[in-house]
Amino acid sequence: MGGLRRNTELGLILLATVITGGTYVLASLGSTNSVPADIGTFLGLVLALLVVAHIATRRLAPNADGLLLPLAGLLNGLGYVFIARVDNVSCWPPWDPPGDSNCLAGLQATWTLLGIVGFVGTLLVVRRTRMLERYRYTAALAGLLLLLLPLAPVIGREINGSRIWVSFGPVNFQPGEFAKIALAVFFAGYLIEKRELLAVASFRVGPLMLPDPKHLGPVVVAWAASVLVMVFERDLGSSLLFFTLFMVLLWVATERVAYLVVGSSLFAGGAWLAWMRFSHVQRRVDVWINPWEDPKDAGFQILEAAFSLASGGITGTGPGLGDPGKIPKAETDFIFAVIGEELGLLGASAVIIAFVLMVGAGLRIAIRAEDGFEKLLATGLTTLLGVQSFIIIGGVIRLLPLTGVTLPFVSYGGSSLVANYVLLALLLRVSDETSKRVARQASWAGSGYAEEDADVSV
């Protein structure tokens, strides 16, 4: 079974490379009327990075799901092509001039390399996901420190209205991207430890039956942390992402809908208070409701994104034939609009389908996992991937207020890319362990051993 999955994975990686290379050639033809001179080198580098990740998976997690890595590679490759399109004219083709610090595509290639290193390193270090459960409180401390680090003086930075950056000399990164993984580990470990207590209803609040108030502390802490991030870091997206992560895991662990009701009410109340008291929250909501109120300043980005999506139509203007330079910071918040303009509704839908397939694969891993911690961890990691994608795509198409989160694997950003490759490796580790456990149980059943008599502890 493992060999078949890996062979399928390799075939899909080759297909992803061909699609990326084809889009790259078309984008060059559209913008310069010439085929890239070193298309072979480009394809070789893309394929080499994905093959390295594939070999690491084949050796270190041979029974893991075979769909996640090719989909991540495809999204990463398409993201690179359209980040190159957003670059200055002097940076296209992106290999000319080499080493230009203003050329984002070259930097994104470097971050992709580091992301693959993080992917392989995670598979090497985390040989058993249960080992992470022992460090759940360490993960909680690390997650909270990373989450609040941008508020620290001197090193904290406010960029584009959100204080989510940290700078150490020339290096800038978003610690929140790594905080989300640490908090997913903590929430999964904590809820497995306390799920029986949290599932027992002994306290009535109106029509709702809730557990003892002392066990509701983590819900209040998660709510307070999310509101703190929303207010002081001006980061609506991360605030919603972290709180959704906790509430989903709490619901899965206890199977009590009351938590969703109480948690959603707490978050809605905190969001309403923030909107009432803080001008930057009001500004975000006002732009979401009516960007035409300030079309040359606050609403400029969202309106240009709408024009780009409209000009793309069903099939798009064609790679290299759009005008992505009209959207400020298109390589981060609005990369989906760039894709929608040049690939149209069909191309944008294909990107959404790729994320839906990744989320489906992650939930399938969670459903198949028999160990409680692995089930919750896989659910949490998948929730992060799916909700973050929904938040940023919803912001671009004005389904939600625009936030500062990135589109996983697609948007420009080193912190996001490396963190998401680490997240992917953890999902594959859970998948590999689950598949091995199922295979062992099938082998024992075929040998005449009862499942309850077999030692299947991990």
Protein backbone atom coordinates (compact mmCIF):
# COMPACT_ATOMS: atom_id res chain seq x y z
CA MET A 1 0.00 0.00 0.00
CA GLY A 2 2.81 2.41 0.88
CA GLY A 3 4.62 1.82 -2.41
CA LEU A 4 1.45 2.44 -4.43
CA ARG A 5 0.78 5.70 -2.59
CA ARG A 6 4.31 6.92 -3.14
CA ASN A 7 4.24 6.05 -6.83
CA THR A 8 0.94 7.89 -7.20
CA GLU A 9 2.44 10.83 -5.33
CA LEU A 10 5.43 10.91 -7.67
CA GLY A 11 3.17 10.87 -10.73
CA LEU A 12 1.12 13.76 -9.34
CA ILE A 13 4.31 15.69 -8.58
CA LEU A 14 5.38 15.31 -12.20
CA LEU A 15 1.95 16.57 -13.29
CA ALA A 16 2.18 19.55 -10.92
CA THR A 17 5.61 20.38 -12.36
CA VAL A 18 4.27 20.27 -15.92
CA ILE A 19 1.34 22.56 -15.01
CA THR A 20 3.66 25.01 -13.23
CA GLY A 21 6.12 25.00 -16.12
CA GLY A 22 3.36 25.46 -18.69
CA THR A 23 1.91 28.42 -16.81
CA TYR A 24 5.41 29.88 -16.49
CA VAL A 25 6.03 29.65 -20.24
CA LEU A 26 2.63 31.16 -21.08
CA ALA A 27 3.21 34.03 -18.65
CA SER A 28 6.56 34.76 -20.30
CA LEU A 29 5.03 34.60 -23.79
CA GLY A 30 2.25 36.94 -22.71
CA SER A 31 4.58 39.53 -21.18
CA THR A 32 7.72 39.32 -23.36
CA ASN A 33 6.61 37.38 -26.49
CA SER A 34 9.41 34.89 -25.94
CA VAL A 35 9.92 31.50 -24.37
CA PRO A 36 12.11 31.70 -21.24
CA ALA A 37 15.70 30.89 -22.18
CA ASP A 38 16.29 28.73 -19.14
CA ILE A 39 12.90 27.04 -18.83
CA GLY A 40 14.77 23.76 -18.43
CA THR A 41 16.61 25.09 -15.39
CA PHE A 42 13.37 26.37 -13.89
CA LEU A 43 11.58 23.06 -14.37
CA GLY A 44 14.60 21.21 -13.01
CA LEU A 45 14.65 23.29 -9.83
CA VAL A 46 10.90 22.92 -9.26
CA LEU A 47 11.05 19.18 -9.83
CA ALA A 48 14.19 18.77 -7.72
CA LEU A 49 12.64 20.45 -4.68
CA LEU A 50 9.46 18.39 -4.89
CA VAL A 51 11.37 15.16 -5.52
CA VAL A 52 13.52 15.82 -2.43
CA ALA A 53 10.32 16.16 -0.38
CA HIS A 54 8.95 13.03 -2.05
CA ILE A 55 12.07 10.99 -1.27
CA ALA A 56 11.95 12.16 2.35
CA THR A 57 8.30 11.10 2.55
CA ARG A 58 9.05 7.75 0.90
CA ARG A 59 11.83 7.04 3.41
CA LEU A 60 10.40 8.61 6.58
CA ALA A 61 6.62 8.33 6.15
CA PRO A 62 6.08 5.66 3.47
CA ASN A 63 2.42 5.01 4.29
CA ALA A 64 1.33 8.65 4.42
CA ASP A 65 -1.37 10.17 2.23
CA GLY A 66 -0.20 10.64 -1.36
CA LEU A 67 -2.31 13.67 -2.28
CA LEU A 68 -1.18 16.42 0.10
CA LEU A 69 2.39 16.98 -1.12
CA PRO A 70 1.54 17.24 -4.85
CA LEU A 71 -1.27 19.69 -4.12
CA ALA A 72 1.02 21.83 -1.97
CA GLY A 73 3.66 21.73 -4.71
CA LEU A 74 1.12 22.79 -7.33
CA LEU A 75 -0.14 25.72 -5.25
CA ASN A 76 3.42 26.72 -4.39
CA GLY A 77 4.46 26.61 -8.05
CA LEU A 78 1.48 28.62 -9.29
CA GLY A 79 2.04 31.10 -6.49
CA TYR A 80 5.65 31.56 -7.60
CA VAL A 81 4.61 32.23 -11.21
CA PHE A 82 2.10 34.91 -10.23
CA ILE A 83 4.41 36.46 -7.65
CA ALA A 84 6.88 36.85 -10.52
CA ARG A 85 4.11 38.52 -12.54
CA VAL A 86 3.53 41.03 -9.75
CA ASP A 87 7.25 41.91 -9.63
CA ASN A 88 8.58 45.05 -11.24
CA VAL A 89 9.01 44.96 -15.02
CA SER A 90 12.78 44.81 -14.51
CA CYS A 91 12.30 41.57 -12.58
CA TRP A 92 10.55 39.70 -15.39
CA PRO A 93 11.71 37.15 -16.33
CA PRO A 94 12.44 36.58 -12.62
CA TRP A 95 15.97 35.32 -13.21
CA ASP A 96 17.02 38.68 -14.68
CA PRO A 97 18.66 40.43 -12.91
CA PRO A 98 19.74 37.69 -10.49
CA GLY A 99 20.02 38.57 -6.85
CA ASP A 100 18.01 41.80 -7.07
CA SER A 101 16.57 42.30 -3.58
CA ASN A 102 13.50 43.96 -5.09
CA CYS A 103 12.60 40.83 -7.07
CA LEU A 104 10.18 38.91 -4.90
CA ALA A 105 10.18 35.77 -7.04
CA GLY A 106 13.83 35.10 -6.27
CA LEU A 107 13.19 35.55 -2.56
CA GLN A 108 10.15 33.27 -2.75
CA ALA A 109 12.31 30.58 -4.38
CA THR A 110 14.68 30.83 -1.42
CA TRP A 111 11.79 30.54 1.02
CA THR A 112 10.51 27.51 -0.88
CA LEU A 113 13.88 25.86 -0.41
CA LEU A 114 13.74 26.62 3.32
CA GLY A 115 10.17 25.33 3.43
CA ILE A 116 11.28 21.99 1.95
CA VAL A 117 14.11 21.90 4.51
CA GLY A 118 11.54 22.49 7.27
CA PHE A 119 9.34 19.74 5.80
CA VAL A 120 12.16 17.20 5.76
CA GLY A 121 13.43 18.31 9.17
CA THR A 122 9.99 17.88 10.72
CA LEU A 123 9.71 14.33 9.37
CA LEU A 124 13.18 13.58 10.73
CA VAL A 125 12.59 15.01 14.20
CA VAL A 126 8.95 14.05 14.79
CA ARG A 127 9.05 10.27 14.33
CA ARG A 128 5.95 9.77 16.53
CA THR A 129 3.25 12.39 16.90
CA ARG A 130 2.46 11.18 20.40
CA MET A 131 5.80 12.61 21.53
CA LEU A 132 4.35 16.06 20.91
CA GLU A 133 1.62 15.42 23.47
CA ARG A 134 4.21 15.32 26.26
CA TYR A 135 5.27 18.86 25.38
CA ARG A 136 1.77 20.37 25.20
CA TYR A 137 2.35 22.96 27.92
CA THR A 138 5.72 23.88 26.46
CA ALA A 139 3.93 24.32 23.12
CA ALA A 140 1.33 26.53 24.84
CA LEU A 141 4.02 28.79 26.30
CA ALA A 142 5.87 28.96 22.99
CA GLY A 143 2.65 29.68 21.11
CA LEU A 144 1.60 32.53 23.41
CA LEU A 145 5.08 34.07 23.35
CA LEU A 146 5.18 33.91 19.55
CA LEU A 147 1.66 35.31 19.33
CA LEU A 148 2.46 38.30 21.56
CA LEU A 149 6.02 38.87 20.34
CA PRO A 150 5.03 41.58 17.81
CA LEU A 151 3.81 43.70 20.75
CA ALA A 152 7.32 43.79 22.21
CA PRO A 153 9.13 47.12 21.92
CA VAL A 154 12.11 47.54 19.57
CA ILE A 155 11.64 44.26 17.69
CA GLY A 156 7.88 44.53 17.02
CA ARG A 157 6.96 46.13 13.70
CA GLU A 158 3.72 47.53 12.29
CA ILE A 159 3.43 47.01 8.52
CA ASN A 160 0.37 47.85 6.41
CA GLY A 161 -1.66 48.68 9.51
CA SER A 162 -1.11 45.38 11.37
CA ARG A 163 1.43 44.83 14.13
CA ILE A 164 2.19 41.20 13.33
CA TRP A 165 5.86 41.45 12.36
CA VAL A 166 9.11 40.99 14.26
CA SER A 167 12.48 42.24 13.02
CA PHE A 168 15.94 41.04 13.98
CA GLY A 169 18.29 43.14 11.92
CA PRO A 170 17.50 42.58 8.22
CA VAL A 171 15.29 39.55 8.98
CA ASN A 172 11.52 40.12 9.22
CA PHE A 173 9.05 37.36 9.98
CA GLN A 174 5.55 36.76 11.32
CA PRO A 175 5.80 34.68 14.52
CA GLY A 176 2.05 34.09 14.44
CA GLU A 177 2.51 31.66 11.55
CA PHE A 178 4.47 29.33 13.85
CA ALA A 179 2.32 30.14 16.89
CA LYS A 180 -0.69 28.56 15.19
CA ILE A 181 1.08 25.18 14.95
CA ALA A 182 2.28 25.32 18.57
CA LEU A 183 -1.22 26.20 19.78
CA ALA A 184 -2.73 23.37 17.72
CA VAL A 185 -0.41 20.94 19.52
CA PHE A 186 -1.37 22.41 22.91
CA PHE A 187 -5.11 22.43 22.27
CA ALA A 188 -5.04 18.82 21.06
CA GLY A 189 -3.03 17.66 24.10
CA TYR A 190 -5.06 19.67 26.63
CA LEU A 191 -8.45 18.62 25.29
CA ILE A 192 -7.51 14.94 25.27
CA GLU A 193 -6.47 15.30 28.91
CA LYS A 194 -9.63 17.19 29.97
CA ARG A 195 -12.27 16.05 27.50
CA GLU A 196 -14.20 13.89 30.01
CA LEU A 197 -14.45 16.77 32.47
CA LEU A 198 -15.40 19.20 29.72
CA ALA A 199 -18.05 16.83 28.39
CA VAL A 200 -19.91 16.53 31.73
CA ALA A 201 -22.66 19.18 32.00
CA SER A 202 -23.37 20.26 35.59
CA PHE A 203 -23.87 24.02 35.38
CA ARG A 204 -26.92 25.70 33.83
CA VAL A 205 -26.77 29.04 31.99
CA GLY A 206 -30.29 29.78 30.78
CA PRO A 207 -31.28 26.96 28.40
CA LEU A 208 -27.70 25.67 28.15
CA MET A 209 -26.04 23.05 30.33
CA LEU A 210 -22.29 23.65 30.71
CA PRO A 211 -19.44 22.00 32.65
CA ASP A 212 -18.17 23.30 35.94
CA PRO A 213 -17.01 26.93 35.40
CA LYS A 214 -13.48 26.09 36.53
CA HIS A 215 -13.09 23.88 33.45
CA LEU A 216 -14.18 26.71 31.16
CA GLY A 217 -10.98 28.63 31.87
CA PRO A 218 -9.31 27.68 28.57
CA VAL A 219 -12.35 28.93 26.62
CA VAL A 220 -12.10 32.30 28.34
CA VAL A 221 -8.32 32.43 27.85
CA ALA A 222 -8.69 31.61 24.13
CA TRP A 223 -11.36 34.29 23.81
CA ALA A 224 -9.22 36.87 25.63
CA ALA A 225 -6.14 36.06 23.55
CA SER A 226 -8.08 36.35 20.28
CA VAL A 227 -9.55 39.71 21.29
CA LEU A 228 -6.09 40.89 22.42
CA VAL A 229 -4.63 40.04 19.02
CA MET A 230 -7.54 41.73 17.24
CA VAL A 231 -7.27 44.92 19.27
CA PHE A 232 -3.57 45.50 19.85
CA GLU A 233 -2.04 43.79 16.81
CA ARG A 234 -4.88 44.92 14.54
CA ASP A 235 -4.98 41.46 13.02
CA LEU A 236 -8.58 40.39 12.50
CA GLY A 237 -7.63 37.31 10.49
CA SER A 238 -5.30 35.71 13.04
CA SER A 239 -7.74 36.50 15.83
CA LEU A 240 -10.55 34.66 14.03
CA LEU A 241 -8.20 31.84 13.00
CA PHE A 242 -6.94 31.05 16.51
CA PHE A 243 -10.35 31.19 18.13
CA THR A 244 -11.92 29.03 15.40
CA LEU A 245 -9.12 26.49 15.89
CA PHE A 246 -9.88 26.16 19.60
CA MET A 247 -13.64 26.04 19.23
CA VAL A 248 -13.51 23.37 16.50
CA LEU A 249 -11.19 21.18 18.57
CA LEU A 250 -13.31 21.70 21.68
CA TRP A 251 -16.42 20.65 19.77
CA VAL A 252 -14.73 17.59 18.25
CA ALA A 253 -13.32 16.53 21.65
CA THR A 254 -16.55 16.91 23.64
CA GLU A 255 -19.25 16.66 20.95
CA ARG A 256 -21.16 19.41 22.77
CA VAL A 257 -22.78 22.05 20.54
CA ALA A 258 -23.16 24.30 23.59
CA TYR A 259 -19.48 25.17 23.35
CA LEU A 260 -19.91 26.41 19.81
CA VAL A 261 -22.83 28.59 20.89
CA VAL A 262 -21.06 30.05 23.93
CA GLY A 263 -17.74 30.47 22.14
CA SER A 264 -19.28 32.12 19.08
CA SER A 265 -21.26 34.45 21.34
CA LEU A 266 -18.12 35.42 23.26
CA PHE A 267 -16.19 36.12 20.06
CA ALA A 268 -19.08 38.08 18.52
CA GLY A 269 -19.35 40.15 21.69
CA GLY A 270 -15.62 40.85 21.74
CA ALA A 271 -15.65 41.77 18.06
CA TRP A 272 -18.59 44.13 18.60
CA LEU A 273 -16.84 45.86 21.51
CA ALA A 274 -13.67 46.20 19.44
CA TRP A 275 -15.68 47.71 16.61
CA MET A 276 -17.34 50.17 18.99
CA ARG A 277 -14.13 51.32 20.69
CA PHE A 278 -11.29 51.12 18.16
CA SER A 279 -11.11 53.18 14.99
CA HIS A 280 -8.92 50.74 13.02
CA VAL A 281 -11.52 47.98 13.45
CA GLN A 282 -14.28 50.36 12.35
CA ARG A 283 -12.21 51.32 9.31
CA ARG A 284 -11.82 47.69 8.22
CA VAL A 285 -15.55 47.04 8.55
CA ASP A 286 -16.51 50.28 6.78
CA VAL A 287 -14.24 49.44 3.83
CA TRP A 288 -15.74 45.96 3.67
CA ILE A 289 -19.31 47.28 3.61
CA ASN A 290 -18.72 50.19 1.23
CA PRO A 291 -15.27 50.49 -0.40
CA TRP A 292 -16.64 53.27 -2.66
CA GLU A 293 -16.77 55.59 0.34
CA ASP A 294 -13.01 56.10 0.02
CA PRO A 295 -12.07 54.72 -3.43
CA LYS A 296 -8.67 56.43 -3.66
CA ASP A 297 -7.33 55.36 -0.27
CA ALA A 298 -8.85 52.77 2.08
CA GLY A 299 -11.04 51.15 -0.56
CA PHE A 300 -8.51 51.30 -3.39
CA GLN A 301 -7.09 47.77 -2.97
CA ILE A 302 -10.41 45.97 -2.72
CA LEU A 303 -11.87 47.90 -5.66
CA GLU A 304 -8.88 47.21 -7.91
CA ALA A 305 -9.12 43.53 -6.95
CA ALA A 306 -12.81 43.55 -7.95
CA PHE A 307 -11.95 45.15 -11.30
CA SER A 308 -9.24 42.55 -11.88
CA LEU A 309 -11.59 39.65 -11.15
CA ALA A 310 -14.22 41.19 -13.40
CA SER A 311 -11.78 41.67 -16.29
CA GLY A 312 -10.72 38.03 -15.99
CA GLY A 313 -14.21 36.77 -16.72
CA ILE A 314 -14.67 33.03 -17.15
CA THR A 315 -11.40 32.08 -18.84
CA GLY A 316 -9.15 34.99 -17.87
CA THR A 317 -7.04 37.41 -19.86
CA GLY A 318 -4.35 34.75 -20.19
CA PRO A 319 -1.10 34.31 -18.24
CA GLY A 320 1.09 37.36 -18.72
CA LEU A 321 -1.69 39.45 -20.28
CA GLY A 322 -3.26 40.93 -17.15
CA ASP A 323 -2.26 44.04 -15.24
CA PRO A 324 -1.48 42.88 -11.69
CA GLY A 325 0.55 46.00 -10.96
CA LYS A 326 -2.62 47.99 -10.39
CA ILE A 327 -3.30 46.22 -7.07
CA PRO A 328 -1.04 47.40 -4.21
CA LYS A 329 0.65 44.53 -2.34
CA ALA A 330 -0.94 42.04 -4.71
CA GLU A 331 1.73 39.42 -3.97
CA THR A 332 0.49 38.96 -0.39
CA ASP A 333 -3.14 39.83 0.36
CA PHE A 334 -4.45 39.83 -3.22
CA ILE A 335 -2.59 37.07 -5.05
CA PHE A 336 -5.95 35.33 -5.55
CA ALA A 337 -7.21 38.37 -7.49
CA VAL A 338 -4.14 38.21 -9.76
CA ILE A 339 -4.84 34.54 -10.46
CA GLY A 340 -8.52 35.32 -11.07
CA GLU A 341 -7.64 38.03 -13.60
CA GLU A 342 -5.21 35.98 -15.70
CA LEU A 343 -6.77 32.52 -15.32
CA GLY A 344 -10.38 33.62 -14.90
CA LEU A 345 -13.13 31.97 -12.92
CA LEU A 346 -11.94 28.55 -14.08
CA GLY A 347 -8.40 29.07 -12.79
CA ALA A 348 -9.56 30.63 -9.51
CA SER A 349 -11.99 27.75 -9.03
CA ALA A 350 -9.15 25.29 -9.65
CA VAL A 351 -7.17 26.91 -6.82
CA ILE A 352 -10.18 26.65 -4.51
CA ILE A 353 -10.68 23.01 -5.50
CA ALA A 354 -7.03 22.30 -4.66
CA PHE A 355 -7.59 23.68 -1.15
CA VAL A 356 -10.84 21.72 -0.80
CA LEU A 357 -8.97 18.54 -1.75
CA MET A 358 -6.26 19.29 0.82
CA VAL A 359 -8.84 19.91 3.53
CA GLY A 360 -10.66 16.73 2.53
CA ALA A 361 -7.44 14.74 2.72
CA GLY A 362 -6.67 16.22 6.15
CA LEU A 363 -10.13 15.40 7.49
CA ARG A 364 -9.84 11.88 6.10
CA ILE A 365 -6.59 11.49 8.03
CA ALA A 366 -8.34 12.75 11.19
CA ILE A 367 -11.30 10.39 10.75
CA ARG A 368 -9.05 7.35 10.26
CA ALA A 369 -6.88 8.16 13.27
CA GLU A 370 -7.81 6.02 16.27
CA ASP A 371 -5.58 7.76 18.81
CA GLY A 372 -7.39 10.74 20.33
CA PHE A 373 -4.42 13.11 20.26
CA GLU A 374 -3.61 12.29 16.63
CA LYS A 375 -7.27 12.77 15.66
CA LEU A 376 -7.45 16.19 17.29
CA LEU A 377 -4.05 17.27 15.99
CA ALA A 378 -4.96 16.34 12.40
CA THR A 379 -8.30 18.13 12.81
CA GLY A 380 -6.59 21.24 14.17
CA LEU A 381 -3.94 21.39 11.44
CA THR A 382 -6.57 20.90 8.75
CA THR A 383 -8.76 23.58 10.33
CA LEU A 384 -5.86 26.03 10.21
CA LEU A 385 -5.26 25.33 6.53
CA GLY A 386 -8.92 25.49 5.53
CA VAL A 387 -10.02 28.46 7.64
CA GLN A 388 -6.98 30.56 6.70
CA SER A 389 -7.68 29.94 3.01
CA PHE A 390 -11.35 30.80 3.48
CA ILE A 391 -10.57 34.00 5.40
CA ILE A 392 -8.22 35.48 2.79
CA ILE A 393 -10.22 34.37 -0.27
CA GLY A 394 -13.39 35.64 1.43
CA GLY A 395 -11.66 38.97 2.04
CA VAL A 396 -10.61 39.34 -1.61
CA ILE A 397 -14.13 38.71 -2.90
CA ARG A 398 -15.70 40.82 -0.10
CA LEU A 399 -17.45 37.93 1.59
CA LEU A 400 -15.56 38.91 4.77
CA PRO A 401 -13.66 42.00 5.94
CA LEU A 402 -10.15 42.00 4.51
CA THR A 403 -7.51 40.61 6.88
CA GLY A 404 -3.74 40.31 6.93
CA VAL A 405 -3.43 36.52 6.63
CA THR A 406 -1.78 34.94 3.61
CA LEU A 407 -3.13 32.35 1.18
CA PRO A 408 -1.25 29.16 2.21
CA PHE A 409 1.48 28.04 -0.21
CA VAL A 410 0.42 30.70 -2.75
CA SER A 411 1.04 34.17 -1.30
CA TYR A 412 4.48 35.69 -0.97
CA GLY A 413 5.94 35.30 2.52
CA GLY A 414 8.68 33.23 4.05
CA SER A 415 7.10 32.74 7.48
CA SER A 416 3.86 31.47 5.99
CA LEU A 417 5.52 29.15 3.48
CA VAL A 418 7.90 27.52 5.96
CA ALA A 419 5.19 27.16 8.63
CA ASN A 420 2.77 25.56 6.18
CA TYR A 421 5.35 23.03 5.01
CA VAL A 422 5.94 22.11 8.67
CA LEU A 423 2.16 21.78 9.10
CA LEU A 424 2.05 19.54 6.03
CA ALA A 425 4.79 17.29 7.41
CA LEU A 426 2.91 16.85 10.70
CA LEU A 427 -0.25 15.85 8.81
CA LEU A 428 1.72 13.29 6.81
CA ARG A 429 3.25 11.93 10.01
CA VAL A 430 -0.21 11.38 11.50
CA SER A 431 -1.34 9.74 8.25
CA ASP A 432 1.68 7.42 8.18
CA GLU A 433 1.24 6.27 11.79
CA THR A 434 -2.48 5.67 11.29
CA SER A 435 -1.89 3.61 8.14
CA LYS A 436 0.76 1.53 9.87
CA ARG A 437 -1.54 0.88 12.82
CA VAL A 438 -4.39 -0.20 10.52
CA ALA A 439 -2.02 -2.52 8.64
CA ARG A 440 -0.81 -4.08 11.89
CA GLN A 441 -4.34 -4.69 13.09
CA ALA A 442 -5.26 -6.29 9.75
CA SER A 443 -2.18 -8.50 9.99
CA TRP A 444 -3.06 -9.57 13.53
CA ALA A 445 -6.66 -10.28 12.49
CA GLY A 446 -5.41 -12.44 9.64
CA SER A 447 -3.13 -14.32 12.02
CA GLY A 448 -6.00 -15.15 14.39
CA TYR A 449 -5.13 -12.67 17.17
CA ALA A 450 -7.98 -10.72 18.66
CA GLU A 451 -7.53 -6.97 18.41
CA GLU A 452 -8.01 -6.47 22.13
CA ASP A 453 -5.24 -8.99 22.87
CA ALA A 454 -2.72 -7.23 20.66
CA ASP A 455 -0.46 -4.54 22.00
CA VAL A 456 -1.22 -1.62 19.73
CA SER A 457 0.03 1.11 22.02
CA VAL A 458 2.04 3.86 20.42
